[in-house]
């Protein structure tokens, strides 16, 4: 994920003045999860910017992470997430990631806020989230993401502290032009890829249960 973020930031620097980047979704892409060529999950990797008025005096920060629906080796279908943050001003520094104390994903009718547990992550400055995909709050979140093509991700720096959040639009991606500049585009490619993967994932689960 850090490698992907590096590419994203590189594109930003080559084509956009960092001081003129507005808050919002920077880039989202779909990634299928597999083991030995066998699909076990579907994920969306995202990068977004937000003005942090709670902890950084309104300075912009990068929110980088992913969401995924995946089957673990015990057969449990889970919803997982990952999030790391850093100041946009420090985008060229590798040691300025800050681990959230708590983070969550939400939508019109679903949330992980009280349905997931927090876990440590191997990546410096990141935290993991794990929830039962069939929890009604989480399942509502998944269905909303498919229907609305967006979700909210929020975090705080201390337990019980104010939340900083942004809306991630999964139809937004950053593409490089032939002249080396970059531009944001809206496309159905990422949402459709995620929906297709989810459909096949549930078909796989149904086949396994019918055996």
C-alpha atoms as a PDB file:
ATOM      1  CA  UNK A   1       0.000   0.000   0.000  1.00  0.00           C
ATOM      2  CA  UNK A   2       2.853   2.388   0.769  1.00  0.00           C
ATOM      3  CA  UNK A   3       4.251   1.736  -2.699  1.00  0.00           C
ATOM      4  CA  UNK A   4       0.893   2.616  -4.233  1.00  0.00           C
ATOM      5  CA  UNK A   5       0.662   5.783  -2.190  1.00  0.00           C
ATOM      6  CA  UNK A   6       4.143   6.750  -3.335  1.00  0.00           C
ATOM      7  CA  UNK A   7       3.024   6.463  -6.942  1.00  0.00           C
ATOM      8  CA  UNK A   8      -0.096   8.494  -6.248  1.00  0.00           C
ATOM      9  CA  UNK A   9       1.840  11.272  -4.565  1.00  0.00           C
ATOM     10  CA  UNK A  10       4.396  11.251  -7.373  1.00  0.00           C
ATOM     11  CA  UNK A  11       1.590  11.837  -9.838  1.00  0.00           C
ATOM     12  CA  UNK A  12       0.254  14.666  -7.713  1.00  0.00           C
ATOM     13  CA  UNK A  13       3.616  16.376  -7.566  1.00  0.00           C
ATOM     14  CA  UNK A  14       4.251  16.129 -11.306  1.00  0.00           C
ATOM     15  CA  UNK A  15       0.894  17.528 -12.307  1.00  0.00           C
ATOM     16  CA  UNK A  16      -0.622  19.528  -9.465  1.00  0.00           C
ATOM     17  CA  UNK A  17       0.614  22.216  -7.097  1.00  0.00           C
ATOM     18  CA  UNK A  18       0.384  20.562  -3.672  1.00  0.00           C
ATOM     19  CA  UNK A  19      -0.886  23.823  -2.157  1.00  0.00           C
ATOM     20  CA  UNK A  20      -3.867  23.797  -4.535  1.00  0.00           C
ATOM     21  CA  UNK A  21      -5.134  20.282  -3.878  1.00  0.00           C
ATOM     22  CA  UNK A  22      -8.602  20.323  -2.356  1.00  0.00           C
ATOM     23  CA  UNK A  23     -10.027  17.950   0.229  1.00  0.00           C
ATOM     24  CA  UNK A  24     -11.584  14.742  -1.022  1.00  0.00           C
ATOM     25  CA  UNK A  25     -10.842  11.488  -2.788  1.00  0.00           C
ATOM     26  CA  UNK A  26      -7.481  11.325  -4.543  1.00  0.00           C
ATOM     27  CA  UNK A  27      -7.475   7.780  -5.879  1.00  0.00           C
ATOM     28  CA  UNK A  28      -9.294   4.459  -5.470  1.00  0.00           C
ATOM     29  CA  UNK A  29      -8.526   1.170  -7.149  1.00  0.00           C
ATOM     30  CA  UNK A  30      -9.841  -2.380  -6.951  1.00  0.00           C
ATOM     31  CA  UNK A  31      -7.664  -5.309  -5.888  1.00  0.00           C
ATOM     32  CA  UNK A  32      -8.663  -8.967  -5.851  1.00  0.00           C
ATOM     33  CA  UNK A  33      -7.245 -11.009  -2.983  1.00  0.00           C
ATOM     34  CA  UNK A  34      -6.043 -14.519  -3.770  1.00  0.00           C
ATOM     35  CA  UNK A  35      -3.918 -17.395  -2.435  1.00  0.00           C
ATOM     36  CA  UNK A  36      -2.207 -19.716  -4.885  1.00  0.00           C
ATOM     37  CA  UNK A  37      -4.438 -18.336  -7.617  1.00  0.00           C
ATOM     38  CA  UNK A  38      -7.651 -18.929  -5.655  1.00  0.00           C
ATOM     39  CA  UNK A  39      -9.800 -15.871  -4.912  1.00  0.00           C
ATOM     40  CA  UNK A  40     -10.620 -15.306  -1.253  1.00  0.00           C
ATOM     41  CA  UNK A  41     -11.523 -11.615  -1.113  1.00  0.00           C
ATOM     42  CA  UNK A  42     -12.275  -8.289  -2.765  1.00  0.00           C
ATOM     43  CA  UNK A  43     -10.725  -4.988  -1.730  1.00  0.00           C
ATOM     44  CA  UNK A  44     -10.671  -1.275  -2.511  1.00  0.00           C
ATOM     45  CA  UNK A  45      -7.489   0.699  -1.850  1.00  0.00           C
ATOM     46  CA  UNK A  46      -8.014   4.426  -1.308  1.00  0.00           C
ATOM     47  CA  UNK A  47      -6.143   7.675  -0.771  1.00  0.00           C
ATOM     48  CA  UNK A  48      -7.956  10.821   0.344  1.00  0.00           C
ATOM     49  CA  UNK A  49      -7.085  14.277   1.656  1.00  0.00           C
ATOM     50  CA  UNK A  50      -8.803  16.127   4.498  1.00  0.00           C
ATOM     51  CA  UNK A  51      -8.214  19.345   6.451  1.00  0.00           C
ATOM     52  CA  UNK A  52      -7.610  18.182  10.024  1.00  0.00           C
ATOM     53  CA  UNK A  53      -9.120  20.852  12.281  1.00  0.00           C
ATOM     54  CA  UNK A  54      -9.171  18.550  15.305  1.00  0.00           C
ATOM     55  CA  UNK A  55      -5.471  17.728  15.669  1.00  0.00           C
ATOM     56  CA  UNK A  56      -3.456  19.586  12.988  1.00  0.00           C
ATOM     57  CA  UNK A  57      -4.733  23.172  13.050  1.00  0.00           C
ATOM     58  CA  UNK A  58      -6.599  22.710   9.785  1.00  0.00           C
ATOM     59  CA  UNK A  59      -3.596  21.444   7.841  1.00  0.00           C
ATOM     60  CA  UNK A  60      -4.281  18.809   5.218  1.00  0.00           C
ATOM     61  CA  UNK A  61      -3.461  15.207   5.947  1.00  0.00           C
ATOM     62  CA  UNK A  62      -3.332  12.103   3.770  1.00  0.00           C
ATOM     63  CA  UNK A  63      -5.668   9.242   4.691  1.00  0.00           C
ATOM     64  CA  UNK A  64      -4.485   6.037   3.030  1.00  0.00           C
ATOM     65  CA  UNK A  65      -5.930   2.571   3.510  1.00  0.00           C
ATOM     66  CA  UNK A  66      -8.238  -0.135   2.256  1.00  0.00           C
ATOM     67  CA  UNK A  67     -11.466  -1.979   2.857  1.00  0.00           C
ATOM     68  CA  UNK A  68     -11.943  -5.645   2.050  1.00  0.00           C
ATOM     69  CA  UNK A  69     -14.476  -8.448   2.271  1.00  0.00           C
ATOM     70  CA  UNK A  70     -12.575 -11.697   2.610  1.00  0.00           C
ATOM     71  CA  UNK A  71     -12.785 -15.303   3.724  1.00  0.00           C
ATOM     72  CA  UNK A  72     -10.172 -16.439   6.201  1.00  0.00           C
ATOM     73  CA  UNK A  73      -8.815 -19.977   6.308  1.00  0.00           C
ATOM     74  CA  UNK A  74     -11.418 -20.979   8.902  1.00  0.00           C
ATOM     75  CA  UNK A  75     -14.170 -20.068   6.416  1.00  0.00           C
ATOM     76  CA  UNK A  76     -15.296 -16.960   8.308  1.00  0.00           C
ATOM     77  CA  UNK A  77     -16.389 -14.142   5.975  1.00  0.00           C
ATOM     78  CA  UNK A  78     -15.005 -10.922   7.418  1.00  0.00           C
ATOM     79  CA  UNK A  79     -14.908  -7.225   6.703  1.00  0.00           C
ATOM     80  CA  UNK A  80     -11.439  -5.766   7.203  1.00  0.00           C
ATOM     81  CA  UNK A  81      -9.925  -2.330   6.925  1.00  0.00           C
ATOM     82  CA  UNK A  82      -6.612  -0.562   7.186  1.00  0.00           C
ATOM     83  CA  UNK A  83      -5.811   3.108   7.746  1.00  0.00           C
ATOM     84  CA  UNK A  84      -2.739   5.281   8.111  1.00  0.00           C
ATOM     85  CA  UNK A  85      -2.367   9.070   8.128  1.00  0.00           C
ATOM     86  CA  UNK A  86       0.354  11.635   7.551  1.00  0.00           C
ATOM     87  CA  UNK A  87       0.601  15.396   6.915  1.00  0.00           C
ATOM     88  CA  UNK A  88       0.443  16.329   3.247  1.00  0.00           C
ATOM     89  CA  UNK A  89       3.356  18.681   3.913  1.00  0.00           C
ATOM     90  CA  UNK A  90       5.464  15.628   4.794  1.00  0.00           C
ATOM     91  CA  UNK A  91       4.526  13.597   1.724  1.00  0.00           C
ATOM     92  CA  UNK A  92       8.188  13.232   0.741  1.00  0.00           C
ATOM     93  CA  UNK A  93       9.149  11.826   4.165  1.00  0.00           C
ATOM     94  CA  UNK A  94       8.835   8.143   5.022  1.00  0.00           C
ATOM     95  CA  UNK A  95       8.779   8.337   8.828  1.00  0.00           C
ATOM     96  CA  UNK A  96       5.862  10.714   9.434  1.00  0.00           C
ATOM     97  CA  UNK A  97       2.968   8.243   9.484  1.00  0.00           C
ATOM     98  CA  UNK A  98       0.759   8.402  12.579  1.00  0.00           C
ATOM     99  CA  UNK A  99      -1.289   5.440  13.767  1.00  0.00           C
ATOM    100  CA  UNK A 100      -4.950   6.293  14.525  1.00  0.00           C
ATOM    101  CA  UNK A 101      -6.210   5.466  17.999  1.00  0.00           C
ATOM    102  CA  UNK A 102      -9.495   4.320  16.471  1.00  0.00           C
ATOM    103  CA  UNK A 103     -11.046   4.401  13.008  1.00  0.00           C
ATOM    104  CA  UNK A 104     -14.278   3.324  11.365  1.00  0.00           C
ATOM    105  CA  UNK A 105     -16.149   3.104   8.086  1.00  0.00           C
ATOM    106  CA  UNK A 106     -19.759   4.212   7.687  1.00  0.00           C
ATOM    107  CA  UNK A 107     -22.493   4.795   5.123  1.00  0.00           C
ATOM    108  CA  UNK A 108     -26.136   5.843   4.975  1.00  0.00           C
ATOM    109  CA  UNK A 109     -27.328   2.834   6.963  1.00  0.00           C
ATOM    110  CA  UNK A 110     -24.245   0.905   8.068  1.00  0.00           C
ATOM    111  CA  UNK A 111     -21.129   1.306  10.180  1.00  0.00           C
ATOM    112  CA  UNK A 112     -18.239  -0.564  11.738  1.00  0.00           C
ATOM    113  CA  UNK A 113     -18.066   1.883  14.672  1.00  0.00           C
ATOM    114  CA  UNK A 114     -19.346  -0.578  17.288  1.00  0.00           C
ATOM    115  CA  UNK A 115     -19.101  -3.746  15.233  1.00  0.00           C
ATOM    116  CA  UNK A 116     -15.336  -4.066  14.728  1.00  0.00           C
ATOM    117  CA  UNK A 117     -12.234  -4.540  16.826  1.00  0.00           C
ATOM    118  CA  UNK A 118      -8.953  -2.688  16.353  1.00  0.00           C
ATOM    119  CA  UNK A 119      -5.723  -4.555  15.637  1.00  0.00           C
ATOM    120  CA  UNK A 120      -2.100  -3.604  15.184  1.00  0.00           C
ATOM    121  CA  UNK A 121      -0.634  -3.495  11.690  1.00  0.00           C
ATOM    122  CA  UNK A 122       2.770  -4.496  10.358  1.00  0.00           C
ATOM    123  CA  UNK A 123       3.016  -1.253   8.355  1.00  0.00           C
ATOM    124  CA  UNK A 124       4.350   1.645  10.426  1.00  0.00           C
ATOM    125  CA  UNK A 125       1.675   4.256  11.118  1.00  0.00           C
ATOM    126  CA  UNK A 126      -1.267   2.032  10.202  1.00  0.00           C
ATOM    127  CA  UNK A 127      -3.985   0.240  12.136  1.00  0.00           C
ATOM    128  CA  UNK A 128      -6.245  -2.666  11.206  1.00  0.00           C
ATOM    129  CA  UNK A 129      -9.966  -3.231  11.684  1.00  0.00           C
ATOM    130  CA  UNK A 130     -11.795  -6.571  11.757  1.00  0.00           C
ATOM    131  CA  UNK A 131     -15.549  -7.280  11.791  1.00  0.00           C
ATOM    132  CA  UNK A 132     -18.009 -10.044  10.956  1.00  0.00           C
ATOM    133  CA  UNK A 133     -19.233  -9.361   7.404  1.00  0.00           C
ATOM    134  CA  UNK A 134     -22.664 -10.767   8.314  1.00  0.00           C
ATOM    135  CA  UNK A 135     -23.170  -8.374  11.230  1.00  0.00           C
ATOM    136  CA  UNK A 136     -26.256  -6.403  10.146  1.00  0.00           C
ATOM    137  CA  UNK A 137     -24.474  -3.065  10.570  1.00  0.00           C
ATOM    138  CA  UNK A 138     -21.512  -4.196   8.485  1.00  0.00           C
ATOM    139  CA  UNK A 139     -23.632  -5.909   5.847  1.00  0.00           C
ATOM    140  CA  UNK A 140     -25.631  -2.677   5.462  1.00  0.00           C
ATOM    141  CA  UNK A 141     -22.347  -0.819   4.955  1.00  0.00           C
ATOM    142  CA  UNK A 142     -21.226  -3.247   2.247  1.00  0.00           C
ATOM    143  CA  UNK A 143     -24.552  -2.973   0.419  1.00  0.00           C
ATOM    144  CA  UNK A 144     -24.477   0.827   0.614  1.00  0.00           C
ATOM    145  CA  UNK A 145     -20.965   0.928  -0.858  1.00  0.00           C
ATOM    146  CA  UNK A 146     -22.169  -1.175  -3.785  1.00  0.00           C
ATOM    147  CA  UNK A 147     -25.302   0.962  -4.309  1.00  0.00           C
ATOM    148  CA  UNK A 148     -23.949   4.475  -3.683  1.00  0.00           C
ATOM    149  CA  UNK A 149     -20.298   3.965  -4.726  1.00  0.00           C
ATOM    150  CA  UNK A 150     -19.028   5.829  -1.677  1.00  0.00           C
ATOM    151  CA  UNK A 151     -18.307   5.466   2.030  1.00  0.00           C
ATOM    152  CA  UNK A 152     -17.082   7.582   4.932  1.00  0.00           C
ATOM    153  CA  UNK A 153     -13.870   6.834   6.794  1.00  0.00           C
ATOM    154  CA  UNK A 154     -13.160   8.545  10.093  1.00  0.00           C
ATOM    155  CA  UNK A 155     -10.539   8.343  12.832  1.00  0.00           C
ATOM    156  CA  UNK A 156      -9.367   9.969  16.038  1.00  0.00           C
ATOM    157  CA  UNK A 157      -5.960  10.474  17.641  1.00  0.00           C
ATOM    158  CA  UNK A 158      -7.016   9.495  21.154  1.00  0.00           C
ATOM    159  CA  UNK A 159      -9.782   7.320  22.540  1.00  0.00           C
ATOM    160  CA  UNK A 160     -12.926   9.402  22.890  1.00  0.00           C
ATOM    161  CA  UNK A 161     -11.382  12.243  20.882  1.00  0.00           C
ATOM    162  CA  UNK A 162     -12.957  14.190  18.040  1.00  0.00           C
ATOM    163  CA  UNK A 163     -13.291  12.394  14.717  1.00  0.00           C
ATOM    164  CA  UNK A 164     -11.650  13.493  11.484  1.00  0.00           C
ATOM    165  CA  UNK A 165     -13.444  12.039   8.490  1.00  0.00           C
ATOM    166  CA  UNK A 166     -13.745  12.131   4.723  1.00  0.00           C
ATOM    167  CA  UNK A 167     -16.067  10.684   2.088  1.00  0.00           C
ATOM    168  CA  UNK A 168     -14.331   8.300  -0.316  1.00  0.00           C
ATOM    169  CA  UNK A 169     -15.904   8.078  -3.777  1.00  0.00           C
ATOM    170  CA  UNK A 170     -14.904   4.747  -5.284  1.00  0.00           C
ATOM    171  CA  UNK A 171     -15.467   5.911  -8.882  1.00  0.00           C
ATOM    172  CA  UNK A 172     -12.591   8.410  -8.626  1.00  0.00           C
ATOM    173  CA  UNK A 173      -9.086   7.672  -9.839  1.00  0.00           C
ATOM    174  CA  UNK A 174      -5.938   9.607 -10.658  1.00  0.00           C
ATOM    175  CA  UNK A 175      -4.517   9.015 -14.117  1.00  0.00           C
ATOM    176  CA  UNK A 176      -1.328  10.203 -15.760  1.00  0.00           C
ATOM    177  CA  UNK A 177      -1.518  11.964 -19.105  1.00  0.00           C
ATOM    178  CA  UNK A 178       0.976  11.364 -21.947  1.00  0.00           C
ATOM    179  CA  UNK A 179       2.561  14.779 -21.229  1.00  0.00           C
ATOM    180  CA  UNK A 180       3.407  13.762 -17.656  1.00  0.00           C
ATOM    181  CA  UNK A 181       0.633  15.731 -15.963  1.00  0.00           C
ATOM    182  CA  UNK A 182      -2.150  14.089 -13.987  1.00  0.00           C
ATOM    183  CA  UNK A 183      -5.900  14.407 -13.797  1.00  0.00           C
ATOM    184  CA  UNK A 184      -8.773  13.040 -11.776  1.00  0.00           C
ATOM    185  CA  UNK A 185     -11.333  10.995 -13.678  1.00  0.00           C
ATOM    186  CA  UNK A 186     -14.615   9.405 -12.743  1.00  0.00           C
ATOM    187  CA  UNK A 187     -15.207   5.941 -14.102  1.00  0.00           C
ATOM    188  CA  UNK A 188     -17.427   2.938 -13.462  1.00  0.00           C
ATOM    189  CA  UNK A 189     -14.448   0.587 -13.851  1.00  0.00           C
ATOM    190  CA  UNK A 190     -13.540   0.322 -10.155  1.00  0.00           C
ATOM    191  CA  UNK A 191     -17.124  -0.009  -8.814  1.00  0.00           C
ATOM    192  CA  UNK A 192     -17.961  -2.628 -11.461  1.00  0.00           C
ATOM    193  CA  UNK A 193     -14.790  -4.601 -10.721  1.00  0.00           C
ATOM    194  CA  UNK A 194     -15.625  -4.609  -6.997  1.00  0.00           C
ATOM    195  CA  UNK A 195     -19.245  -5.648  -7.608  1.00  0.00           C
ATOM    196  CA  UNK A 196     -18.162  -8.425  -9.978  1.00  0.00           C
ATOM    197  CA  UNK A 197     -15.635  -9.728  -7.455  1.00  0.00           C
ATOM    198  CA  UNK A 198     -18.190  -9.650  -4.638  1.00  0.00           C
ATOM    199  CA  UNK A 199     -20.710 -11.567  -6.767  1.00  0.00           C
ATOM    200  CA  UNK A 200     -18.170 -14.268  -7.555  1.00  0.00           C
ATOM    201  CA  UNK A 201     -17.014 -14.380  -3.924  1.00  0.00           C
ATOM    202  CA  UNK A 202     -20.542 -15.094  -2.683  1.00  0.00           C
ATOM    203  CA  UNK A 203     -20.999 -17.681  -5.440  1.00  0.00           C
ATOM    204  CA  UNK A 204     -17.816 -19.396  -4.253  1.00  0.00           C
ATOM    205  CA  UNK A 205     -19.134 -19.429  -0.680  1.00  0.00           C
ATOM    206  CA  UNK A 206     -22.476 -20.871  -1.781  1.00  0.00           C
ATOM    207  CA  UNK A 207     -20.720 -23.637  -3.701  1.00  0.00           C
ATOM    208  CA  UNK A 208     -18.585 -24.519  -0.693  1.00  0.00           C
ATOM    209  CA  UNK A 209     -21.625 -24.630   1.591  1.00  0.00           C
ATOM    210  CA  UNK A 210     -23.526 -26.869  -0.818  1.00  0.00           C
ATOM    211  CA  UNK A 211     -20.800 -29.515  -0.839  1.00  0.00           C
END
